[in-house]
Amino acid sequence: MKTSKGEVVDIQGEIILNDIGEIDYEQAVALAQSITIGEEGQHLSENVFTHDTTLQVFIGDLNARKLWRLSVLLYAMVAKYPVVKIEPSLIDEYLKLYRLFALT
């Protein structure tokens, strides 16, 4: 893997790109609220989203608040908020233990 400075770094373990479960919801909401909509330049918010009459025609009986939450997380995941979760593998843990015993 290359860093932003062009250095090559060897990363061991599982790498999960854009893990929606790792996105901080409050930060994702702040990101979504930076979006302006309409001619008035109104900022997107949960209240605006759930009370949009045009949207209600399309979603029907779906829960607008749950759709808002999902939309915010998906937007953050896909467009603006890449997340990498690195978890050491079992072999990494054995190597760490081996190095600990080898040094003592």
PDB file of N, CA and C in Angstrom:
ATOM      1  N   MET A   1       0.848  -1.165   0.000  1.00  0.00           N
ATOM      2  CA  MET A   1       0.000   0.000   0.000  1.00  0.00           C
ATOM      3  C   MET A   1       0.900   1.236   0.000  1.00  0.00           C
ATOM      4  N   LYS A   2       0.548   2.236  -0.789  1.00  0.00           N
ATOM      5  CA  LYS A   2       1.311   3.477  -0.834  1.00  0.00           C
ATOM      6  C   LYS A   2       0.631   4.530   0.025  1.00  0.00           C
ATOM      7  N   THR A   3       1.446   5.291   0.755  1.00  0.00           N
ATOM      8  CA  THR A   3       0.907   6.388   1.549  1.00  0.00           C
ATOM      9  C   THR A   3       0.770   7.612   0.657  1.00  0.00           C
ATOM     10  N   SER A   4       0.207   8.678   1.225  1.00  0.00           N
ATOM     11  CA  SER A   4       0.039   9.902   0.444  1.00  0.00           C
ATOM     12  C   SER A   4       1.379  10.522   0.067  1.00  0.00           C
ATOM     13  N   LYS A   5       2.442  10.148   0.789  1.00  0.00           N
ATOM     14  CA  LYS A   5       3.777  10.672   0.483  1.00  0.00           C
ATOM     15  C   LYS A   5       4.526   9.772  -0.502  1.00  0.00           C
ATOM     16  N   GLY A   6       3.883   8.716  -0.971  1.00  0.00           N
ATOM     17  CA  GLY A   6       4.494   7.823  -1.945  1.00  0.00           C
ATOM     18  C   GLY A   6       5.309   6.707  -1.325  1.00  0.00           C
ATOM     19  N   GLU A   7       5.344   6.633   0.003  1.00  0.00           N
ATOM     20  CA  GLU A   7       6.092   5.569   0.669  1.00  0.00           C
ATOM     21  C   GLU A   7       5.297   4.268   0.584  1.00  0.00           C
ATOM     22  N   VAL A   8       5.990   3.165   0.435  1.00  0.00           N
ATOM     23  CA  VAL A   8       5.331   1.864   0.391  1.00  0.00           C
ATOM     24  C   VAL A   8       5.340   1.279   1.794  1.00  0.00           C
ATOM     25  N   VAL A   9       4.155   0.923   2.287  1.00  0.00           N
ATOM     26  CA  VAL A   9       4.011   0.374   3.626  1.00  0.00           C
ATOM     27  C   VAL A   9       3.368  -0.997   3.503  1.00  0.00           C
ATOM     28  N   ASP A  10       3.943  -1.976   4.186  1.00  0.00           N
ATOM     29  CA  ASP A  10       3.386  -3.318   4.178  1.00  0.00           C
ATOM     30  C   ASP A  10       2.391  -3.435   5.319  1.00  0.00           C
ATOM     31  N   ILE A  11       1.137  -3.702   5.003  1.00  0.00           N
ATOM     32  CA  ILE A  11       0.094  -3.821   6.017  1.00  0.00           C
ATOM     33  C   ILE A  11      -0.366  -5.267   6.067  1.00  0.00           C
ATOM     34  N   GLN A  12      -0.313  -5.826   7.259  1.00  0.00           N
ATOM     35  CA  GLN A  12      -0.769  -7.188   7.461  1.00  0.00           C
ATOM     36  C   GLN A  12      -2.184  -7.147   8.035  1.00  0.00           C
ATOM     37  N   GLY A  13      -2.964  -8.138   7.738  1.00  0.00           N
ATOM     38  CA  GLY A  13      -4.299  -8.226   8.301  1.00  0.00           C
ATOM     39  C   GLY A  13      -5.364  -8.009   7.252  1.00  0.00           C
ATOM     40  N   GLU A  14      -6.560  -7.897   7.722  1.00  0.00           N
ATOM     41  CA  GLU A  14      -7.717  -7.748   6.847  1.00  0.00           C
ATOM     42  C   GLU A  14      -7.968  -6.264   6.614  1.00  0.00           C
ATOM     43  N   ILE A  15      -8.108  -5.893   5.367  1.00  0.00           N
ATOM     44  CA  ILE A  15      -8.396  -4.509   5.032  1.00  0.00           C
ATOM     45  C   ILE A  15      -9.805  -4.448   4.455  1.00  0.00           C
ATOM     46  N   ILE A  16     -10.644  -3.654   5.079  1.00  0.00           N
ATOM     47  CA  ILE A  16     -12.018  -3.497   4.626  1.00  0.00           C
ATOM     48  C   ILE A  16     -12.182  -2.052   4.193  1.00  0.00           C
ATOM     49  N   LEU A  17     -12.437  -1.837   2.912  1.00  0.00           N
ATOM     50  CA  LEU A  17     -12.617  -0.483   2.414  1.00  0.00           C
ATOM     51  C   LEU A  17     -14.077  -0.075   2.514  1.00  0.00           C
ATOM     52  N   ASN A  18     -14.278   1.127   2.975  1.00  0.00           N
ATOM     53  CA  ASN A  18     -15.624   1.704   3.068  1.00  0.00           C
ATOM     54  C   ASN A  18     -16.593   0.808   3.833  1.00  0.00           C
ATOM     55  N   ASP A  19     -16.198   0.420   5.027  1.00  0.00           N
ATOM     56  CA  ASP A  19     -17.048  -0.397   5.884  1.00  0.00           C
ATOM     57  C   ASP A  19     -18.120   0.510   6.500  1.00  0.00           C
ATOM     58  N   ILE A  20     -19.351   0.357   6.070  1.00  0.00           N
ATOM     59  CA  ILE A  20     -20.430   1.233   6.522  1.00  0.00           C
ATOM     60  C   ILE A  20     -20.621   1.159   8.030  1.00  0.00           C
ATOM     61  N   GLY A  21     -20.279   0.036   8.625  1.00  0.00           N
ATOM     62  CA  GLY A  21     -20.411  -0.117  10.074  1.00  0.00           C
ATOM     63  C   GLY A  21     -19.390   0.687  10.858  1.00  0.00           C
ATOM     64  N   GLU A  22     -18.335   1.107  10.220  1.00  0.00           N
ATOM     65  CA  GLU A  22     -17.276   1.868  10.893  1.00  0.00           C
ATOM     66  C   GLU A  22     -17.433   3.369  10.746  1.00  0.00           C
ATOM     67  N   ILE A  23     -18.411   3.823   9.972  1.00  0.00           N
ATOM     68  CA  ILE A  23     -18.602   5.256   9.754  1.00  0.00           C
ATOM     69  C   ILE A  23     -19.305   5.862  10.954  1.00  0.00           C
ATOM     70  N   ASP A  24     -18.768   6.959  11.457  1.00  0.00           N
ATOM     71  CA  ASP A  24     -19.375   7.676  12.562  1.00  0.00           C
ATOM     72  C   ASP A  24     -20.611   8.410  12.031  1.00  0.00           C
ATOM     73  N   TYR A  25     -21.780   8.073  12.565  1.00  0.00           N
ATOM     74  CA  TYR A  25     -23.030   8.619  12.047  1.00  0.00           C
ATOM     75  C   TYR A  25     -23.095  10.136  12.183  1.00  0.00           C
ATOM     76  N   GLU A  26     -22.645  10.669  13.311  1.00  0.00           N
ATOM     77  CA  GLU A  26     -22.705  12.118  13.522  1.00  0.00           C
ATOM     78  C   GLU A  26     -21.841  12.859  12.505  1.00  0.00           C
ATOM     79  N   GLN A  27     -20.666  12.331  12.199  1.00  0.00           N
ATOM     80  CA  GLN A  27     -19.810  12.949  11.185  1.00  0.00           C
ATOM     81  C   GLN A  27     -20.447  12.834   9.805  1.00  0.00           C
ATOM     82  N   ALA A  28     -21.097  11.712   9.547  1.00  0.00           N
ATOM     83  CA  ALA A  28     -21.764  11.523   8.261  1.00  0.00           C
ATOM     84  C   ALA A  28     -22.923  12.519   8.100  1.00  0.00           C
ATOM     85  N   VAL A  29     -23.646  12.767   9.189  1.00  0.00           N
ATOM     86  CA  VAL A  29     -24.744  13.747   9.149  1.00  0.00           C
ATOM     87  C   VAL A  29     -24.183  15.136   8.869  1.00  0.00           C
ATOM     88  N   ALA A  30     -23.090  15.488   9.535  1.00  0.00           N
ATOM     89  CA  ALA A  30     -22.476  16.799   9.301  1.00  0.00           C
ATOM     90  C   ALA A  30     -22.058  16.939   7.840  1.00  0.00           C
ATOM     91  N   LEU A  31     -21.546  15.859   7.269  1.00  0.00           N
ATOM     92  CA  LEU A  31     -21.151  15.861   5.864  1.00  0.00           C
ATOM     93  C   LEU A  31     -22.375  16.053   4.966  1.00  0.00           C
ATOM     94  N   ALA A  32     -23.454  15.342   5.263  1.00  0.00           N
ATOM     95  CA  ALA A  32     -24.677  15.449   4.454  1.00  0.00           C
ATOM     96  C   ALA A  32     -25.296  16.836   4.584  1.00  0.00           C
ATOM     97  N   GLN A  33     -25.208  17.437   5.762  1.00  0.00           N
ATOM     98  CA  GLN A  33     -25.802  18.749   5.972  1.00  0.00           C
ATOM     99  C   GLN A  33     -25.026  19.862   5.273  1.00  0.00           C
ATOM    100  N   SER A  34     -23.865  19.536   4.743  1.00  0.00           N
ATOM    101  CA  SER A  34     -23.111  20.532   3.978  1.00  0.00           C
ATOM    102  C   SER A  34     -23.642  20.651   2.548  1.00  0.00           C
ATOM    103  N   ILE A  35     -24.544  19.759   2.167  1.00  0.00           N
ATOM    104  CA  ILE A  35     -25.134  19.766   0.825  1.00  0.00           C
ATOM    105  C   ILE A  35     -26.258  20.806   0.784  1.00  0.00           C
ATOM    106  N   THR A  36     -26.245  21.644  -0.239  1.00  0.00           N
ATOM    107  CA  THR A  36     -27.334  22.602  -0.415  1.00  0.00           C
ATOM    108  C   THR A  36     -28.253  22.099  -1.520  1.00  0.00           C
ATOM    109  N   ILE A  37     -29.552  22.304  -1.314  1.00  0.00           N
ATOM    110  CA  ILE A  37     -30.540  21.831  -2.283  1.00  0.00           C
ATOM    111  C   ILE A  37     -31.506  22.959  -2.612  1.00  0.00           C
ATOM    112  N   GLY A  38     -32.143  22.837  -3.734  1.00  0.00           N
ATOM    113  CA  GLY A  38     -33.171  23.795  -4.134  1.00  0.00           C
ATOM    114  C   GLY A  38     -32.602  25.132  -4.568  1.00  0.00           C
ATOM    115  N   GLU A  39     -33.485  25.934  -5.095  1.00  0.00           N
ATOM    116  CA  GLU A  39     -33.090  27.259  -5.571  1.00  0.00           C
ATOM    117  C   GLU A  39     -32.752  28.207  -4.428  1.00  0.00           C
ATOM    118  N   GLU A  40     -33.344  27.956  -3.253  1.00  0.00           N
ATOM    119  CA  GLU A  40     -33.080  28.816  -2.102  1.00  0.00           C
ATOM    120  C   GLU A  40     -31.730  28.501  -1.448  1.00  0.00           C
ATOM    121  N   GLY A  41     -31.104  27.423  -1.848  1.00  0.00           N
ATOM    122  CA  GLY A  41     -29.827  27.038  -1.241  1.00  0.00           C
ATOM    123  C   GLY A  41     -29.984  26.504   0.169  1.00  0.00           C
ATOM    124  N   GLN A  42     -31.081  25.815   0.412  1.00  0.00           N
ATOM    125  CA  GLN A  42     -31.373  25.249   1.728  1.00  0.00           C
ATOM    126  C   GLN A  42     -30.441  24.063   1.984  1.00  0.00           C
ATOM    127  N   HIS A  43     -29.950  23.958   3.239  1.00  0.00           N
ATOM    128  CA  HIS A  43     -29.074  22.836   3.578  1.00  0.00           C
ATOM    129  C   HIS A  43     -29.899  21.583   3.846  1.00  0.00           C
ATOM    130  N   LEU A  44     -29.392  20.466   3.378  1.00  0.00           N
ATOM    131  CA  LEU A  44     -30.064  19.187   3.586  1.00  0.00           C
ATOM    132  C   LEU A  44     -30.009  18.830   5.065  1.00  0.00           C
ATOM    133  N   SER A  45     -31.111  18.351   5.591  1.00  0.00           N
ATOM    134  CA  SER A  45     -31.178  17.912   6.986  1.00  0.00           C
ATOM    135  C   SER A  45     -32.219  16.805   7.092  1.00  0.00           C
ATOM    136  N   GLU A  46     -32.255  16.162   8.243  1.00  0.00           N
ATOM    137  CA  GLU A  46     -33.240  15.106   8.442  1.00  0.00           C
ATOM    138  C   GLU A  46     -34.655  15.665   8.320  1.00  0.00           C
ATOM    139  N   ASN A  47     -34.886  16.835   8.867  1.00  0.00           N
ATOM    140  CA  ASN A  47     -36.205  17.448   8.822  1.00  0.00           C
ATOM    141  C   ASN A  47     -36.620  17.751   7.379  1.00  0.00           C
ATOM    142  N   VAL A  48     -35.721  18.331   6.608  1.00  0.00           N
ATOM    143  CA  VAL A  48     -36.011  18.635   5.201  1.00  0.00           C
ATOM    144  C   VAL A  48     -36.262  17.336   4.433  1.00  0.00           C
ATOM    145  N   PHE A  49     -35.434  16.334   4.674  1.00  0.00           N
ATOM    146  CA  PHE A  49     -35.538  15.047   3.976  1.00  0.00           C
ATOM    147  C   PHE A  49     -36.873  14.361   4.275  1.00  0.00           C
ATOM    148  N   THR A  50     -37.233  14.281   5.549  1.00  0.00           N
ATOM    149  CA  THR A  50     -38.441  13.531   5.926  1.00  0.00           C
ATOM    150  C   THR A  50     -39.739  14.251   5.581  1.00  0.00           C
ATOM    151  N   HIS A  51     -39.683  15.579   5.388  1.00  0.00           N
ATOM    152  CA  HIS A  51     -40.894  16.334   5.066  1.00  0.00           C
ATOM    153  C   HIS A  51     -40.971  16.755   3.600  1.00  0.00           C
ATOM    154  N   ASP A  52     -40.106  16.196   2.778  1.00  0.00           N
ATOM    155  CA  ASP A  52     -40.108  16.516   1.344  1.00  0.00           C
ATOM    156  C   ASP A  52     -41.272  15.787   0.679  1.00  0.00           C
ATOM    157  N   THR A  53     -42.236  16.537   0.150  1.00  0.00           N
ATOM    158  CA  THR A  53     -43.427  15.934  -0.450  1.00  0.00           C
ATOM    159  C   THR A  53     -43.102  15.165  -1.726  1.00  0.00           C
ATOM    160  N   THR A  54     -42.114  15.619  -2.477  1.00  0.00           N
ATOM    161  CA  THR A  54     -41.722  14.904  -3.692  1.00  0.00           C
ATOM    162  C   THR A  54     -41.167  13.533  -3.342  1.00  0.00           C
ATOM    163  N   LEU A  55     -40.336  13.492  -2.308  1.00  0.00           N
ATOM    164  CA  LEU A  55     -39.750  12.227  -1.860  1.00  0.00           C
ATOM    165  C   LEU A  55     -40.833  11.272  -1.369  1.00  0.00           C
ATOM    166  N   GLN A  56     -41.820  11.792  -0.642  1.00  0.00           N
ATOM    167  CA  GLN A  56     -42.888  10.953  -0.097  1.00  0.00           C
ATOM    168  C   GLN A  56     -43.646  10.210  -1.196  1.00  0.00           C
ATOM    169  N   VAL A  57     -43.775  10.824  -2.365  1.00  0.00           N
ATOM    170  CA  VAL A  57     -44.457  10.171  -3.488  1.00  0.00           C
ATOM    171  C   VAL A  57     -43.696   8.906  -3.892  1.00  0.00           C
ATOM    172  N   PHE A  58     -42.376   8.973  -3.862  1.00  0.00           N
ATOM    173  CA  PHE A  58     -41.562   7.847  -4.319  1.00  0.00           C
ATOM    174  C   PHE A  58     -41.357   6.769  -3.262  1.00  0.00           C
ATOM    175  N   ILE A  59     -41.274   7.147  -1.995  1.00  0.00           N
ATOM    176  CA  ILE A  59     -40.981   6.131  -0.977  1.00  0.00           C
ATOM    177  C   ILE A  59     -42.227   5.485  -0.408  1.00  0.00           C
ATOM    178  N   GLY A  60     -43.369   6.099  -0.597  1.00  0.00           N
ATOM    179  CA  GLY A  60     -44.620   5.503  -0.148  1.00  0.00           C
ATOM    180  C   GLY A  60     -44.650   5.251   1.346  1.00  0.00           C
ATOM    181  N   ASP A  61     -44.796   3.973   1.730  1.00  0.00           N
ATOM    182  CA  ASP A  61     -44.938   3.610   3.139  1.00  0.00           C
ATOM    183  C   ASP A  61     -43.611   3.382   3.859  1.00  0.00           C
ATOM    184  N   LEU A  62     -42.498   3.591   3.196  1.00  0.00           N
ATOM    185  CA  LEU A  62     -41.206   3.404   3.858  1.00  0.00           C
ATOM    186  C   LEU A  62     -41.017   4.440   4.965  1.00  0.00           C
ATOM    187  N   ASN A  63     -40.274   4.075   5.972  1.00  0.00           N
ATOM    188  CA  ASN A  63     -39.969   4.978   7.074  1.00  0.00           C
ATOM    189  C   ASN A  63     -38.927   5.992   6.595  1.00  0.00           C
ATOM    190  N   ALA A  64     -39.323   7.252   6.490  1.00  0.00           N
ATOM    191  CA  ALA A  64     -38.450   8.295   5.949  1.00  0.00           C
ATOM    192  C   ALA A  64     -37.234   8.528   6.839  1.00  0.00           C
ATOM    193  N   ARG A  65     -37.378   8.390   8.156  1.00  0.00           N
ATOM    194  CA  ARG A  65     -36.241   8.601   9.061  1.00  0.00           C
ATOM    195  C   ARG A  65     -35.192   7.510   8.886  1.00  0.00           C
ATOM    196  N   LYS A  66     -35.632   6.275   8.727  1.00  0.00           N
ATOM    197  CA  LYS A  66     -34.681   5.178   8.492  1.00  0.00           C
ATOM    198  C   LYS A  66     -34.014   5.331   7.125  1.00  0.00           C
ATOM    199  N   LEU A  67     -34.787   5.768   6.153  1.00  0.00           N
ATOM    200  CA  LEU A  67     -34.223   6.011   4.826  1.00  0.00           C
ATOM    201  C   LEU A  67     -33.202   7.139   4.880  1.00  0.00           C
ATOM    202  N   TRP A  68     -33.458   8.168   5.681  1.00  0.00           N
ATOM    203  CA  TRP A  68     -32.500   9.263   5.878  1.00  0.00           C
ATOM    204  C   TRP A  68     -31.185   8.717   6.431  1.00  0.00           C
ATOM    205  N   ARG A  69     -31.279   7.910   7.487  1.00  0.00           N
ATOM    206  CA  ARG A  69     -30.083   7.355   8.123  1.00  0.00           C
ATOM    207  C   ARG A  69     -29.282   6.517   7.124  1.00  0.00           C
ATOM    208  N   LEU A  70     -29.963   5.648   6.404  1.00  0.00           N
ATOM    209  CA  LEU A  70     -29.293   4.818   5.413  1.00  0.00           C
ATOM    210  C   LEU A  70     -28.669   5.675   4.316  1.00  0.00           C
ATOM    211  N   SER A  71     -29.400   6.668   3.858  1.00  0.00           N
ATOM    212  CA  SER A  71     -28.894   7.540   2.791  1.00  0.00           C
ATOM    213  C   SER A  71     -27.647   8.291   3.226  1.00  0.00           C
ATOM    214  N   VAL A  72     -27.649   8.791   4.455  1.00  0.00           N
ATOM    215  CA  VAL A  72     -26.491   9.526   4.979  1.00  0.00           C
ATOM    216  C   VAL A  72     -25.271   8.613   5.041  1.00  0.00           C
ATOM    217  N   LEU A  73     -25.452   7.408   5.561  1.00  0.00           N
ATOM    218  CA  LEU A  73     -24.326   6.473   5.675  1.00  0.00           C
ATOM    219  C   LEU A  73     -23.821   6.041   4.304  1.00  0.00           C
ATOM    220  N   LEU A  74     -24.735   5.782   3.385  1.00  0.00           N
ATOM    221  CA  LEU A  74     -24.317   5.395   2.033  1.00  0.00           C
ATOM    222  C   LEU A  74     -23.595   6.526   1.328  1.00  0.00           C
ATOM    223  N   TYR A  75     -24.090   7.741   1.485  1.00  0.00           N
ATOM    224  CA  TYR A  75     -23.429   8.894   0.873  1.00  0.00           C
ATOM    225  C   TYR A  75     -22.017   9.048   1.419  1.00  0.00           C
ATOM    226  N   ALA A  76     -21.889   8.949   2.735  1.00  0.00           N
ATOM    227  CA  ALA A  76     -20.576   9.078   3.358  1.00  0.00           C
ATOM    228  C   ALA A  76     -19.648   7.958   2.909  1.00  0.00           C
ATOM    229  N   MET A  77     -20.183   6.749   2.789  1.00  0.00           N
ATOM    230  CA  MET A  77     -19.364   5.602   2.404  1.00  0.00           C
ATOM    231  C   MET A  77     -18.891   5.722   0.959  1.00  0.00           C
ATOM    232  N   VAL A  78     -19.787   6.037   0.070  1.00  0.00           N
ATOM    233  CA  VAL A  78     -19.473   6.014  -1.356  1.00  0.00           C
ATOM    234  C   VAL A  78     -18.772   7.280  -1.832  1.00  0.00           C
ATOM    235  N   ALA A  79     -19.224   8.423  -1.370  1.00  0.00           N
ATOM    236  CA  ALA A  79     -18.758   9.669  -1.968  1.00  0.00           C
ATOM    237  C   ALA A  79     -17.621  10.362  -1.243  1.00  0.00           C
ATOM    238  N   LYS A  80     -17.664  10.430   0.049  1.00  0.00           N
ATOM    239  CA  LYS A  80     -16.765  11.357   0.719  1.00  0.00           C
ATOM    240  C   LYS A  80     -15.992  10.801   1.906  1.00  0.00           C
ATOM    241  N   TYR A  81     -16.328   9.683   2.420  1.00  0.00           N
ATOM    242  CA  TYR A  81     -15.813   9.279   3.721  1.00  0.00           C
ATOM    243  C   TYR A  81     -15.223   7.878   3.663  1.00  0.00           C
ATOM    244  N   PRO A  82     -14.107   7.707   2.946  1.00  0.00           N
ATOM    245  CA  PRO A  82     -13.538   6.351   2.859  1.00  0.00           C
ATOM    246  C   PRO A  82     -13.005   5.886   4.210  1.00  0.00           C
ATOM    247  N   VAL A  83     -13.312   4.674   4.565  1.00  0.00           N
ATOM    248  CA  VAL A  83     -12.906   4.112   5.847  1.00  0.00           C
ATOM    249  C   VAL A  83     -12.107   2.846   5.585  1.00  0.00           C
ATOM    250  N   VAL A  84     -10.996   2.726   6.267  1.00  0.00           N
ATOM    251  CA  VAL A  84     -10.212   1.506   6.184  1.00  0.00           C
ATOM    252  C   VAL A  84     -10.116   0.935   7.586  1.00  0.00           C
ATOM    253  N   LYS A  85     -10.486  -0.296   7.735  1.00  0.00           N
ATOM    254  CA  LYS A  85     -10.401  -0.965   9.017  1.00  0.00           C
ATOM    255  C   LYS A  85      -9.343  -2.048   8.895  1.00  0.00           C
ATOM    256  N   ILE A  86      -8.315  -1.964   9.715  1.00  0.00           N
ATOM    257  CA  ILE A  86      -7.229  -2.930   9.643  1.00  0.00           C
ATOM    258  C   ILE A  86      -7.276  -3.798  10.893  1.00  0.00           C
ATOM    259  N   GLU A  87      -7.401  -5.073  10.677  1.00  0.00           N
ATOM    260  CA  GLU A  87      -7.415  -6.018  11.788  1.00  0.00           C
ATOM    261  C   GLU A  87      -6.270  -6.995  11.593  1.00  0.00           C
ATOM    262  N   PRO A  88      -5.428  -7.147  12.613  1.00  0.00           N
ATOM    263  CA  PRO A  88      -4.331  -8.104  12.486  1.00  0.00           C
ATOM    264  C   PRO A  88      -4.865  -9.521  12.298  1.00  0.00           C
ATOM    265  N   SER A  89      -4.190 -10.271  11.454  1.00  0.00           N
ATOM    266  CA  SER A  89      -4.584 -11.656  11.236  1.00  0.00           C
ATOM    267  C   SER A  89      -3.990 -12.521  12.345  1.00  0.00           C
ATOM    268  N   LEU A  90      -4.376 -13.768  12.376  1.00  0.00           N
ATOM    269  CA  LEU A  90      -3.870 -14.706  13.374  1.00  0.00           C
ATOM    270  C   LEU A  90      -2.356 -14.854  13.247  1.00  0.00           C
ATOM    271  N   ILE A  91      -1.851 -14.889  12.038  1.00  0.00           N
ATOM    272  CA  ILE A  91      -0.411 -15.029  11.825  1.00  0.00           C
ATOM    273  C   ILE A  91       0.340 -13.820  12.369  1.00  0.00           C
ATOM    274  N   ASP A  92      -0.245 -12.618  12.251  1.00  0.00           N
ATOM    275  CA  ASP A  92       0.368 -11.420  12.814  1.00  0.00           C
ATOM    276  C   ASP A  92       0.491 -11.528  14.331  1.00  0.00           C
ATOM    277  N   GLU A  93      -0.550 -12.078  14.960  1.00  0.00           N
ATOM    278  CA  GLU A  93      -0.514 -12.249  16.412  1.00  0.00           C
ATOM    279  C   GLU A  93       0.569 -13.253  16.813  1.00  0.00           C
ATOM    280  N   TYR A  94       0.712 -14.345  16.051  1.00  0.00           N
ATOM    281  CA  TYR A  94       1.769 -15.325  16.350  1.00  0.00           C
ATOM    282  C   TYR A  94       3.156 -14.711  16.170  1.00  0.00           C
ATOM    283  N   LEU A  95       3.317 -13.890  15.120  1.00  0.00           N
ATOM    284  CA  LEU A  95       4.608 -13.234  14.895  1.00  0.00           C
ATOM    285  C   LEU A  95       4.933 -12.257  16.025  1.00  0.00           C
ATOM    286  N   LYS A  96       3.941 -11.547  16.504  1.00  0.00           N
ATOM    287  CA  LYS A  96       4.147 -10.627  17.618  1.00  0.00           C
ATOM    288  C   LYS A  96       4.583 -11.394  18.867  1.00  0.00           C
ATOM    289  N   LEU A  97       3.927 -12.508  19.127  1.00  0.00           N
ATOM    290  CA  LEU A  97       4.278 -13.349  20.269  1.00  0.00           C
ATOM    291  C   LEU A  97       5.681 -13.928  20.106  1.00  0.00           C
ATOM    292  N   TYR A  98       6.022 -14.378  18.894  1.00  0.00           N
ATOM    293  CA  TYR A  98       7.350 -14.930  18.619  1.00  0.00           C
ATOM    294  C   TYR A  98       8.429 -13.871  18.867  1.00  0.00           C
ATOM    295  N   ARG A  99       8.197 -12.657  18.382  1.00  0.00           N
ATOM    296  CA  ARG A  99       9.181 -11.577  18.589  1.00  0.00           C
ATOM    297  C   ARG A  99       9.341 -11.267  20.069  1.00  0.00           C
ATOM    298  N   LEU A 100       8.247 -11.312  20.806  1.00  0.00           N
ATOM    299  CA  LEU A 100       8.304 -11.050  22.254  1.00  0.00           C
ATOM    300  C   LEU A 100       9.183 -12.085  22.951  1.00  0.00           C
ATOM    301  N   PHE A 101       8.999 -13.382  22.616  1.00  0.00           N
ATOM    302  CA  PHE A 101       9.796 -14.444  23.235  1.00  0.00           C
ATOM    303  C   PHE A 101      11.234 -14.450  22.722  1.00  0.00           C
ATOM    304  N   ALA A 102      11.421 -14.063  21.459  1.00  0.00           N
ATOM    305  CA  ALA A 102      12.767 -14.073  20.882  1.00  0.00           C
ATOM    306  C   ALA A 102      13.645 -12.991  21.507  1.00  0.00           C
ATOM    307  N   LEU A 103      13.055 -11.912  21.933  1.00  0.00           N
ATOM    308  CA  LEU A 103      13.819 -10.812  22.534  1.00  0.00           C
ATOM    309  C   LEU A 103      14.133 -11.040  24.014  1.00  0.00           C
ATOM    310  N   THR A 104      13.444 -11.967  24.659  1.00  0.00           N
ATOM    311  CA  THR A 104      13.685 -12.203  26.087  1.00  0.00           C
ATOM    312  C   THR A 104      14.604 -13.361  26.338  1.00  0.00           C
TER     313      THR A 104
END
